[in-house]
PDB file of N, CA and C in Angstrom:
ATOM      1  N   MET A   1     -28.630  50.536  -7.036  1.00  0.00           N
ATOM      2  CA  MET A   1     -27.654  50.103  -6.516  1.00  0.00           C
ATOM      3  C   MET A   1     -27.697  48.829  -6.080  1.00  0.00           C
ATOM      4  N   ALA A   2     -28.989  48.178  -5.695  1.00  0.00           N
ATOM      5  CA  ALA A   2     -29.034  46.830  -5.451  1.00  0.00           C
ATOM      6  C   ALA A   2     -28.645  45.731  -6.553  1.00  0.00           C
ATOM      7  N   LYS A   3     -29.376  46.257  -7.777  1.00  0.00           N
ATOM      8  CA  LYS A   3     -29.018  45.485  -8.849  1.00  0.00           C
ATOM      9  C   LYS A   3     -27.600  45.453  -9.375  1.00  0.00           C
ATOM     10  N   ALA A   4     -26.941  46.559  -9.006  1.00  0.00           N
ATOM     11  CA  ALA A   4     -25.422  46.469  -9.458  1.00  0.00           C
ATOM     12  C   ALA A   4     -24.688  45.590  -8.424  1.00  0.00           C
ATOM     13  N   LEU A   5     -25.005  45.641  -7.100  1.00  0.00           N
ATOM     14  CA  LEU A   5     -24.225  44.759  -6.310  1.00  0.00           C
ATOM     15  C   LEU A   5     -24.673  43.218  -6.743  1.00  0.00           C
ATOM     16  N   LEU A   6     -25.933  43.171  -6.987  1.00  0.00           N
ATOM     17  CA  LEU A   6     -26.146  41.775  -7.305  1.00  0.00           C
ATOM     18  C   LEU A   6     -25.424  41.254  -8.585  1.00  0.00           C
ATOM     19  N   GLY A   7     -25.262  41.976  -9.527  1.00  0.00           N
ATOM     20  CA  GLY A   7     -24.639  41.719 -10.787  1.00  0.00           C
ATOM     21  C   GLY A   7     -23.037  41.419 -10.221  1.00  0.00           C
ATOM     22  N   HIS A   8     -22.732  42.314  -9.468  1.00  0.00           N
ATOM     23  CA  HIS A   8     -21.392  42.336  -9.190  1.00  0.00           C
ATOM     24  C   HIS A   8     -21.015  41.001  -8.285  1.00  0.00           C
ATOM     25  N   VAL A   9     -21.728  40.764  -7.466  1.00  0.00           N
ATOM     26  CA  VAL A   9     -21.487  39.268  -6.733  1.00  0.00           C
ATOM     27  C   VAL A   9     -21.973  38.208  -7.636  1.00  0.00           C
ATOM     28  N   GLY A  10     -22.676  38.254  -8.817  1.00  0.00           N
ATOM     29  CA  GLY A  10     -23.197  37.068  -9.572  1.00  0.00           C
ATOM     30  C   GLY A  10     -24.160  36.500  -9.047  1.00  0.00           C
ATOM     31  N   GLY A  11     -25.037  36.646  -7.950  1.00  0.00           N
ATOM     32  CA  GLY A  11     -26.114  36.078  -7.853  1.00  0.00           C
ATOM     33  C   GLY A  11     -26.058  34.861  -7.093  1.00  0.00           C
ATOM     34  N   PRO A  12     -27.011  33.869  -7.052  1.00  0.00           N
ATOM     35  CA  PRO A  12     -26.765  32.647  -6.206  1.00  0.00           C
ATOM     36  C   PRO A  12     -26.047  31.809  -7.047  1.00  0.00           C
ATOM     37  N   ASP A  13     -24.971  31.116  -6.658  1.00  0.00           N
ATOM     38  CA  ASP A  13     -24.247  30.303  -7.241  1.00  0.00           C
ATOM     39  C   ASP A  13     -24.898  28.750  -7.454  1.00  0.00           C
ATOM     40  N   PRO A  14     -25.033  28.257  -8.683  1.00  0.00           N
ATOM     41  CA  PRO A  14     -25.960  27.191  -9.067  1.00  0.00           C
ATOM     42  C   PRO A  14     -25.343  25.991  -8.076  1.00  0.00           C
ATOM     43  N   ARG A  15     -24.118  25.895  -8.067  1.00  0.00           N
ATOM     44  CA  ARG A  15     -23.482  24.678  -7.354  1.00  0.00           C
ATOM     45  C   ARG A  15     -23.866  24.760  -5.844  1.00  0.00           C
ATOM     46  N   MET A  16     -24.078  26.007  -5.381  1.00  0.00           N
ATOM     47  CA  MET A  16     -24.379  26.221  -3.882  1.00  0.00           C
ATOM     48  C   MET A  16     -25.834  25.894  -3.798  1.00  0.00           C
ATOM     49  N   VAL A  17     -26.729  26.026  -4.805  1.00  0.00           N
ATOM     50  CA  VAL A  17     -28.243  26.053  -4.805  1.00  0.00           C
ATOM     51  C   VAL A  17     -28.414  24.570  -4.801  1.00  0.00           C
ATOM     52  N   ALA A  18     -27.672  23.676  -5.882  1.00  0.00           N
ATOM     53  CA  ALA A  18     -27.735  22.127  -6.004  1.00  0.00           C
ATOM     54  C   ALA A  18     -27.349  21.454  -4.708  1.00  0.00           C
ATOM     55  N   GLU A  19     -26.330  21.910  -4.020  1.00  0.00           N
ATOM     56  CA  GLU A  19     -25.836  21.357  -2.737  1.00  0.00           C
ATOM     57  C   GLU A  19     -26.713  21.420  -1.634  1.00  0.00           C
ATOM     58  N   MET A  20     -27.467  22.676  -1.646  1.00  0.00           N
ATOM     59  CA  MET A  20     -28.376  22.931  -0.707  1.00  0.00           C
ATOM     60  C   MET A  20     -29.789  21.910  -0.888  1.00  0.00           C
ATOM     61  N   ARG A  21     -29.991  21.859  -2.132  1.00  0.00           N
ATOM     62  CA  ARG A  21     -31.181  20.983  -2.436  1.00  0.00           C
ATOM     63  C   ARG A  21     -30.872  19.399  -2.091  1.00  0.00           C
ATOM     64  N   ARG A  22     -29.585  19.163  -2.475  1.00  0.00           N
ATOM     65  CA  ARG A  22     -29.187  17.701  -2.123  1.00  0.00           C
ATOM     66  C   ARG A  22     -29.056  17.436  -0.735  1.00  0.00           C
ATOM     67  N   LEU A  23     -28.566  18.367   0.257  1.00  0.00           N
ATOM     68  CA  LEU A  23     -28.827  18.434   1.597  1.00  0.00           C
ATOM     69  C   LEU A  23     -30.031  18.166   2.191  1.00  0.00           C
ATOM     70  N   GLN A  24     -30.998  19.122   1.465  1.00  0.00           N
ATOM     71  CA  GLN A  24     -32.485  19.303   2.202  1.00  0.00           C
ATOM     72  C   GLN A  24     -32.964  17.699   1.801  1.00  0.00           C
ATOM     73  N   GLN A  25     -32.549  17.169   0.789  1.00  0.00           N
ATOM     74  CA  GLN A  25     -33.365  15.816   0.365  1.00  0.00           C
ATOM     75  C   GLN A  25     -32.733  14.661   1.394  1.00  0.00           C
ATOM     76  N   ARG A  26     -31.458  15.143   1.705  1.00  0.00           N
ATOM     77  CA  ARG A  26     -30.801  13.961   2.549  1.00  0.00           C
ATOM     78  C   ARG A  26     -31.489  13.994   3.879  1.00  0.00           C
ATOM     79  N   VAL A  27     -31.697  15.427   4.504  1.00  0.00           N
ATOM     80  CA  VAL A  27     -32.390  15.490   5.520  1.00  0.00           C
ATOM     81  C   VAL A  27     -33.845  14.849   5.772  1.00  0.00           C
ATOM     82  N   ARG A  28     -34.570  15.082   4.670  1.00  0.00           N
ATOM     83  CA  ARG A  28     -35.740  14.407   4.528  1.00  0.00           C
ATOM     84  C   ARG A  28     -35.619  12.868   4.567  1.00  0.00           C
ATOM     85  N   ASP A  29     -34.570  12.169   3.850  1.00  0.00           N
ATOM     86  CA  ASP A  29     -34.605  10.792   3.872  1.00  0.00           C
ATOM     87  C   ASP A  29     -33.939  10.269   5.133  1.00  0.00           C
ATOM     88  N   LEU A  30     -33.354  11.097   5.856  1.00  0.00           N
ATOM     89  CA  LEU A  30     -32.760  10.737   7.070  1.00  0.00           C
ATOM     90  C   LEU A  30     -34.125  10.697   8.350  1.00  0.00           C
ATOM     91  N   GLU A  31     -34.809  11.739   8.127  1.00  0.00           N
ATOM     92  CA  GLU A  31     -36.045  12.056   8.908  1.00  0.00           C
ATOM     93  C   GLU A  31     -36.844  10.509   8.716  1.00  0.00           C
ATOM     94  N   ALA A  32     -37.160  10.225   7.301  1.00  0.00           N
ATOM     95  CA  ALA A  32     -38.196   9.404   7.078  1.00  0.00           C
ATOM     96  C   ALA A  32     -37.495   7.830   7.828  1.00  0.00           C
ATOM     97  N   GLU A  33     -36.220   7.604   7.708  1.00  0.00           N
ATOM     98  CA  GLU A  33     -35.521   6.432   8.105  1.00  0.00           C
ATOM     99  C   GLU A  33     -35.659   6.534   9.705  1.00  0.00           C
ATOM    100  N   LEU A  34     -35.538   7.677  10.219  1.00  0.00           N
ATOM    101  CA  LEU A  34     -35.568   7.609  11.878  1.00  0.00           C
ATOM    102  C   LEU A  34     -37.152   7.214  12.037  1.00  0.00           C
ATOM    103  N   VAL A  35     -38.082   7.785  11.333  1.00  0.00           N
ATOM    104  CA  VAL A  35     -39.500   7.409  11.690  1.00  0.00           C
ATOM    105  C   VAL A  35     -39.723   5.963  11.605  1.00  0.00           C
ATOM    106  N   ARG A  36     -39.013   5.425  10.583  1.00  0.00           N
ATOM    107  CA  ARG A  36     -39.422   3.828  10.345  1.00  0.00           C
ATOM    108  C   ARG A  36     -38.705   3.040  11.360  1.00  0.00           C
ATOM    109  N   LEU A  37     -37.482   3.635  11.751  1.00  0.00           N
ATOM    110  CA  LEU A  37     -36.571   2.755  12.900  1.00  0.00           C
ATOM    111  C   LEU A  37     -37.290   2.914  14.205  1.00  0.00           C
ATOM    112  N   GLN A  38     -38.038   4.011  14.397  1.00  0.00           N
ATOM    113  CA  GLN A  38     -38.729   4.073  15.754  1.00  0.00           C
ATOM    114  C   GLN A  38     -39.767   3.428  15.851  1.00  0.00           C
ATOM    115  N   ALA A  39     -40.585   3.082  14.611  1.00  0.00           N
ATOM    116  CA  ALA A  39     -41.696   2.335  14.572  1.00  0.00           C
ATOM    117  C   ALA A  39     -41.470   0.959  14.684  1.00  0.00           C
ATOM    118  N   GLU A  40     -40.125   0.380  14.150  1.00  0.00           N
ATOM    119  CA  GLU A  40     -39.785  -0.955  14.345  1.00  0.00           C
ATOM    120  C   GLU A  40     -39.382  -0.919  15.840  1.00  0.00           C
ATOM    121  N   ASN A  41     -38.656  -0.132  16.410  1.00  0.00           N
ATOM    122  CA  ASN A  41     -38.263  -0.269  17.574  1.00  0.00           C
ATOM    123  C   ASN A  41     -39.481  -0.419  18.559  1.00  0.00           C
ATOM    124  N   ASP A  42     -40.509   0.342  18.322  1.00  0.00           N
ATOM    125  CA  ASP A  42     -41.795   0.356  19.167  1.00  0.00           C
ATOM    126  C   ASP A  42     -42.343  -1.120  18.872  1.00  0.00           C
ATOM    127  N   ALA A  43     -42.449  -1.698  17.797  1.00  0.00           N
ATOM    128  CA  ALA A  43     -43.125  -2.966  17.561  1.00  0.00           C
ATOM    129  C   ALA A  43     -42.253  -3.844  18.142  1.00  0.00           C
ATOM    130  N   LEU A  44     -41.005  -3.950  18.233  1.00  0.00           N
ATOM    131  CA  LEU A  44     -40.295  -4.867  19.001  1.00  0.00           C
ATOM    132  C   LEU A  44     -40.182  -4.754  20.379  1.00  0.00           C
ATOM    133  N   ALA A  45     -40.478  -3.544  21.049  1.00  0.00           N
ATOM    134  CA  ALA A  45     -40.753  -3.305  22.496  1.00  0.00           C
ATOM    135  C   ALA A  45     -42.093  -3.716  22.951  1.00  0.00           C
ATOM    136  N   THR A  46     -43.199  -3.972  21.904  1.00  0.00           N
ATOM    137  CA  THR A  46     -44.271  -4.467  22.685  1.00  0.00           C
ATOM    138  C   THR A  46     -44.398  -5.936  22.331  1.00  0.00           C
ATOM    139  N   ALA A  47     -43.557  -6.559  21.533  1.00  0.00           N
ATOM    140  CA  ALA A  47     -43.469  -7.950  21.273  1.00  0.00           C
ATOM    141  C   ALA A  47     -43.399  -8.743  22.515  1.00  0.00           C
ATOM    142  N   PRO A  48     -44.088 -10.036  22.476  1.00  0.00           N
ATOM    143  CA  PRO A  48     -43.783 -10.675  23.592  1.00  0.00           C
ATOM    144  C   PRO A  48     -42.319 -11.365  23.889  1.00  0.00           C
ATOM    145  N   ASP A  49     -41.870 -11.548  24.764  1.00  0.00           N
ATOM    146  CA  ASP A  49     -40.323 -11.763  25.197  1.00  0.00           C
ATOM    147  C   ASP A  49     -39.965 -13.003  24.290  1.00  0.00           C
ATOM    148  N   ASP A  50     -40.772 -14.035  24.228  1.00  0.00           N
ATOM    149  CA  ASP A  50     -40.402 -15.340  23.314  1.00  0.00           C
ATOM    150  C   ASP A  50     -39.936 -15.038  22.098  1.00  0.00           C
ATOM    151  N   ASP A  51     -40.884 -14.165  21.351  1.00  0.00           N
ATOM    152  CA  ASP A  51     -40.567 -13.571  19.968  1.00  0.00           C
ATOM    153  C   ASP A  51     -39.368 -12.796  19.911  1.00  0.00           C
ATOM    154  N   VAL A  52     -38.894 -11.906  20.958  1.00  0.00           N
ATOM    155  CA  VAL A  52     -37.501 -11.349  20.911  1.00  0.00           C
ATOM    156  C   VAL A  52     -36.630 -12.164  20.996  1.00  0.00           C
ATOM    157  N   MET A  53     -36.676 -13.069  21.777  1.00  0.00           N
ATOM    158  CA  MET A  53     -35.408 -14.122  21.947  1.00  0.00           C
ATOM    159  C   MET A  53     -35.084 -15.067  20.743  1.00  0.00           C
ATOM    160  N   SER A  54     -36.234 -15.566  20.007  1.00  0.00           N
ATOM    161  CA  SER A  54     -36.226 -16.305  18.870  1.00  0.00           C
ATOM    162  C   SER A  54     -35.587 -15.445  17.714  1.00  0.00           C
ATOM    163  N   LEU A  55     -35.887 -14.312  17.661  1.00  0.00           N
ATOM    164  CA  LEU A  55     -35.359 -13.277  16.836  1.00  0.00           C
ATOM    165  C   LEU A  55     -33.844 -13.039  16.824  1.00  0.00           C
ATOM    166  N   ALA A  56     -33.552 -12.978  18.107  1.00  0.00           N
ATOM    167  CA  ALA A  56     -32.269 -12.889  18.293  1.00  0.00           C
ATOM    168  C   ALA A  56     -31.268 -14.176  17.773  1.00  0.00           C
ATOM    169  N   VAL A  57     -31.901 -15.272  18.441  1.00  0.00           N
ATOM    170  CA  VAL A  57     -31.191 -16.642  18.031  1.00  0.00           C
ATOM    171  C   VAL A  57     -30.966 -16.637  16.372  1.00  0.00           C
ATOM    172  N   LYS A  58     -31.884 -16.341  15.775  1.00  0.00           N
ATOM    173  CA  LYS A  58     -31.920 -16.555  14.346  1.00  0.00           C
ATOM    174  C   LYS A  58     -31.051 -15.552  13.599  1.00  0.00           C
ATOM    175  N   GLU A  59     -30.659 -14.366  14.248  1.00  0.00           N
ATOM    176  CA  GLU A  59     -29.655 -13.304  13.506  1.00  0.00           C
ATOM    177  C   GLU A  59     -28.189 -13.518  14.260  1.00  0.00           C
ATOM    178  N   ARG A  60     -28.140 -14.659  15.085  1.00  0.00           N
ATOM    179  CA  ARG A  60     -26.818 -14.710  15.827  1.00  0.00           C
ATOM    180  C   ARG A  60     -25.740 -15.041  14.755  1.00  0.00           C
ATOM    181  N   GLU A  61     -24.628 -14.600  14.751  1.00  0.00           N
ATOM    182  CA  GLU A  61     -23.582 -14.679  13.725  1.00  0.00           C
ATOM    183  C   GLU A  61     -22.536 -15.972  14.261  1.00  0.00           C
ATOM    184  N   PRO A  62     -22.003 -16.623  13.377  1.00  0.00           N
ATOM    185  CA  PRO A  62     -21.134 -17.602  14.053  1.00  0.00           C
ATOM    186  C   PRO A  62     -19.842 -17.110  14.757  1.00  0.00           C
ATOM    187  N   ALA A  63     -19.364 -17.726  15.859  1.00  0.00           N
ATOM    188  CA  ALA A  63     -18.135 -17.301  16.512  1.00  0.00           C
ATOM    189  C   ALA A  63     -16.981 -17.346  15.843  1.00  0.00           C
ATOM    190  N   LEU A  64     -16.075 -16.721  15.795  1.00  0.00           N
ATOM    191  CA  LEU A  64     -14.651 -16.600  15.037  1.00  0.00           C
ATOM    192  C   LEU A  64     -14.090 -17.758  15.790  1.00  0.00           C
ATOM    193  N   THR A  65     -13.438 -18.518  14.750  1.00  0.00           N
ATOM    194  CA  THR A  65     -12.676 -19.595  15.275  1.00  0.00           C
ATOM    195  C   THR A  65     -11.097 -19.351  15.133  1.00  0.00           C
TER     196      THR A  65
END
């Protein structure tokens, strides 16, 4: 009976399986990015204040005129 139902339903949809794998990879990528950003944030938090200020000045964008 189970084989008949599985055959009737058609089994797992290959598109659904591919989408699930793509989403799982995206989650892994986002988790890795989160770890990287947390490490960068921790490094900036422990940096001396003068280094942080000089970093902010270097990245400042010109004002709109």
